[in-house]
Each structure stands twice: as C-alpha cells, then as structure tokens.
Amino acid sequence: MPSPVEVATKYLHVREQPHGSNRAPEIDAWLKAVGSPLGSPWCAAFVHACLVEAGVTPPVQSGRVQAWVDMVGADTLLPSEQAKAGDILVFWFPSLHRYAHIGLVTSRKGKTLRTIEANSIPQGAHGNSREGYGVFEHTLQTSQRLRVLRLV
C-alpha cells in the first residue's frame, strides 16, 4: 500500500479544467467523495483522497479545512517545527479567523518544510496560494500560522 505522500506525488499533474474553475475529472471525484459541491475549493478533498487511497482513515469526511481541525481538536495540533513526512499541514488565515488551507508534508529539514498542496499555485508564482488551479510542490518555512495534524 502506498503512503499518502506517494499517492499525492502521482497527482502532481492535476490542473483545473478550465483554469480557475475548481473542476477536472479527478477534482470532481475528490469533491464528491467528501460531499462538497462541484466547483468548491478542493485542497481538503485532495488530502482526504490521498489518505483513503493509501488506506489511512481520514479524521473527517469534509472538504472544509476547519472541520478537520474541529474534529481532532485545535489543542492537539503540533507546531510546524515538529512536522515529519506524512503529516498533514494546516494553514491559519488571520484575516479569515480560521484554518483555510491544507497540504501533506513530504519532508522537513530544520525550519524548512516541503509539501504537496492542492488548489494551489506553483512555487514562486504570484497570486493566492490557497485559491490556485493545481497540485504543486512547495517549500515553506515553519511558522506560527502553520500547524501539524498527525494521524499516527
């Protein structure tokens, strides 16, 4: 059985069709699996799909990132400095007063995290990284707004 990260890696080619629609055959299937309307933001649906395909039971069947945090309890989230490969990374957005983006950690070296994120934009591109158009790898620095949801 592949790991969630191995599953996520095989979807690095996925792009919205058309661009900006939150739609594509894979995206539609992921959204349906979590009960979200087609065309919805899909980062959490992607993580859910990667976990299921890897044989890992997700904590919640939801396309809402905050629902994932609510299900496990915000007090159980770990600092991003403790992230390890296979962890789920949730992103706090102060302007929204909630967790609103999610991805999978592929590695951490010191304060540098490597992730795979969906409904995102390419590393270094200008724009909103939580309202993008594909599945991309990212390099991030640990911070207070990034927290780790560890399932195992």
Protein backbone atom coordinates (compact mmCIF):
# COMPACT_ATOMS: atom_id res chain seq x y z
CA MET A 1 0.00 0.00 0.00
CA PRO A 2 1.49 3.40 -0.93
CA SER A 3 1.89 6.17 1.64
CA PRO A 4 -0.29 9.31 1.43
CA VAL A 5 2.76 11.23 0.15
CA GLU A 6 3.37 8.64 -2.58
CA VAL A 7 -0.28 8.94 -3.59
CA ALA A 8 -0.09 12.76 -3.61
CA THR A 9 3.03 12.67 -5.79
CA LYS A 10 1.23 10.81 -8.55
CA TYR A 11 -1.30 13.67 -8.78
CA LEU A 12 1.23 16.48 -9.33
CA HIS A 13 -0.01 16.70 -12.92
CA VAL A 14 -3.61 17.59 -11.95
CA ARG A 15 -4.78 21.02 -13.13
CA GLU A 16 -8.21 22.60 -13.16
CA GLN A 17 -10.07 22.33 -16.48
CA PRO A 18 -10.75 25.10 -17.28
CA HIS A 19 -8.24 27.10 -15.29
CA GLY A 20 -9.89 28.75 -12.26
CA SER A 21 -12.97 26.51 -12.28
CA ASN A 22 -12.16 24.19 -9.35
CA ARG A 23 -13.09 21.40 -11.77
CA ALA A 24 -11.37 18.48 -13.52
CA PRO A 25 -12.28 14.77 -13.57
CA GLU A 26 -10.05 13.96 -10.55
CA ILE A 27 -11.11 17.09 -8.65
CA ASP A 28 -14.80 16.36 -9.22
CA ALA A 29 -14.33 12.82 -7.85
CA TRP A 30 -12.48 14.11 -4.79
CA LEU A 31 -15.16 16.72 -4.08
CA LYS A 32 -17.96 14.16 -4.48
CA ALA A 33 -16.20 11.80 -2.04
CA VAL A 34 -16.35 14.41 0.74
CA GLY A 35 -19.84 15.64 -0.15
CA SER A 36 -18.74 19.07 -1.38
CA PRO A 37 -20.47 20.74 -4.32
CA LEU A 38 -18.61 20.58 -7.63
CA GLY A 39 -16.57 23.75 -8.15
CA SER A 40 -15.79 24.13 -4.43
CA PRO A 41 -12.29 24.72 -3.04
CA TRP A 42 -10.64 21.30 -3.08
CA CYS A 43 -7.43 21.25 -1.01
CA ALA A 44 -9.05 19.22 1.81
CA ALA A 45 -10.82 16.90 -0.64
CA PHE A 46 -7.40 16.16 -2.18
CA VAL A 47 -5.81 15.31 1.19
CA HIS A 48 -8.83 13.15 2.03
CA ALA A 49 -8.44 11.27 -1.27
CA CYS A 50 -4.71 10.71 -0.73
CA LEU A 51 -5.33 9.29 2.74
CA VAL A 52 -8.13 6.98 1.56
CA GLU A 53 -6.10 5.73 -1.41
CA ALA A 54 -3.23 4.99 0.98
CA GLY A 55 -5.51 3.03 3.31
CA VAL A 56 -5.50 5.68 6.05
CA THR A 57 -8.80 6.67 7.64
CA PRO A 58 -9.24 10.46 7.48
CA PRO A 59 -10.42 12.11 10.71
CA VAL A 60 -13.44 13.58 8.91
CA GLN A 61 -15.18 13.35 5.54
CA SER A 62 -15.20 17.04 4.70
CA GLY A 63 -13.91 19.50 2.14
CA ARG A 64 -13.64 22.19 4.83
CA VAL A 65 -10.21 22.51 6.45
CA GLN A 66 -11.64 23.96 9.65
CA ALA A 67 -13.86 20.86 10.00
CA TRP A 68 -10.70 18.71 10.05
CA VAL A 69 -9.23 20.86 12.84
CA ASP A 70 -12.52 20.89 14.75
CA MET A 71 -12.76 17.09 14.56
CA VAL A 72 -9.29 16.44 16.00
CA GLY A 73 -9.30 19.49 18.29
CA ALA A 74 -7.13 22.55 17.74
CA ASP A 75 -5.35 21.81 21.03
CA THR A 76 -3.95 18.57 19.53
CA LEU A 77 -2.23 20.34 16.63
CA LEU A 78 1.57 20.35 16.80
CA PRO A 79 3.95 23.21 15.98
CA SER A 80 5.17 23.11 12.37
CA GLU A 81 8.73 22.70 13.71
CA GLN A 82 7.70 19.13 14.65
CA ALA A 83 6.42 18.21 11.19
CA LYS A 84 7.58 14.99 9.57
CA ALA A 85 6.90 13.30 6.25
CA GLY A 86 3.30 12.13 6.03
CA ASP A 87 1.91 14.72 8.42
CA ILE A 88 -0.97 16.96 7.43
CA LEU A 89 -0.18 20.68 7.49
CA VAL A 90 -3.00 23.15 8.16
CA PHE A 91 -2.69 26.86 7.46
CA TRP A 92 -4.22 29.53 9.72
CA PHE A 93 -5.51 32.65 7.96
CA PRO A 94 -5.82 35.52 10.48
CA SER A 95 -7.98 37.54 8.08
CA LEU A 96 -10.50 34.66 7.95
CA HIS A 97 -10.15 33.74 11.65
CA ARG A 98 -9.87 30.05 10.72
CA TYR A 99 -7.76 27.31 9.20
CA ALA A 100 -8.40 27.54 5.47
CA HIS A 101 -5.74 25.54 3.60
CA ILE A 102 -4.25 22.08 3.99
CA GLY A 103 -1.46 20.00 2.48
CA LEU A 104 0.76 16.98 3.04
CA VAL A 105 4.29 17.27 4.42
CA THR A 106 6.83 15.43 2.27
CA SER A 107 9.88 16.35 4.39
CA ARG A 108 11.32 18.75 6.97
CA LYS A 109 14.93 19.80 7.35
CA GLY A 110 15.41 22.23 10.20
CA LYS A 111 12.89 25.01 9.66
CA THR A 112 12.28 24.17 6.00
CA LEU A 113 9.18 22.17 5.06
CA ARG A 114 8.46 20.52 1.73
CA THR A 115 4.79 19.95 0.97
CA ILE A 116 2.35 18.88 -1.70
CA GLU A 117 -0.70 21.14 -1.80
CA ALA A 118 -3.81 21.14 -3.98
CA ASN A 119 -5.94 24.04 -5.20
CA SER A 120 -2.66 25.91 -5.09
CA ILE A 121 -0.27 27.71 -7.41
CA PRO A 122 3.30 26.90 -8.45
CA GLN A 123 6.12 27.78 -6.06
CA GLY A 124 7.13 31.42 -6.64
CA ALA A 125 4.04 32.33 -8.69
CA HIS A 126 2.13 35.48 -7.85
CA GLY A 127 -1.39 35.03 -6.56
CA ASN A 128 -3.37 33.44 -3.77
CA SER A 129 -1.74 30.12 -2.87
CA ARG A 130 -4.99 28.78 -1.34
CA GLU A 131 -7.13 29.53 -4.38
CA GLY A 132 -4.95 28.16 -7.13
CA TYR A 133 -5.51 25.77 -10.00
CA GLY A 134 -3.49 22.61 -9.44
CA VAL A 135 -1.48 20.22 -7.31
CA PHE A 136 2.03 21.56 -6.66
CA GLU A 137 5.10 21.01 -4.51
CA HIS A 138 6.04 23.83 -2.15
CA THR A 139 8.93 24.80 0.10
CA LEU A 140 7.88 26.70 3.23
CA GLN A 141 9.46 27.94 6.41
CA THR A 142 7.97 26.82 9.71
CA SER A 143 5.81 29.47 11.34
CA GLN A 144 3.15 30.07 13.99
CA ARG A 145 0.36 30.03 11.37
CA LEU A 146 1.29 26.52 10.19
CA ARG A 147 0.24 23.62 12.40
CA VAL A 148 0.59 19.86 12.12
CA LEU A 149 -2.26 17.39 12.28
CA ARG A 150 -0.66 13.99 12.91
CA LEU A 151 -2.84 10.94 12.41
CA VAL A 152 -0.44 8.23 13.59
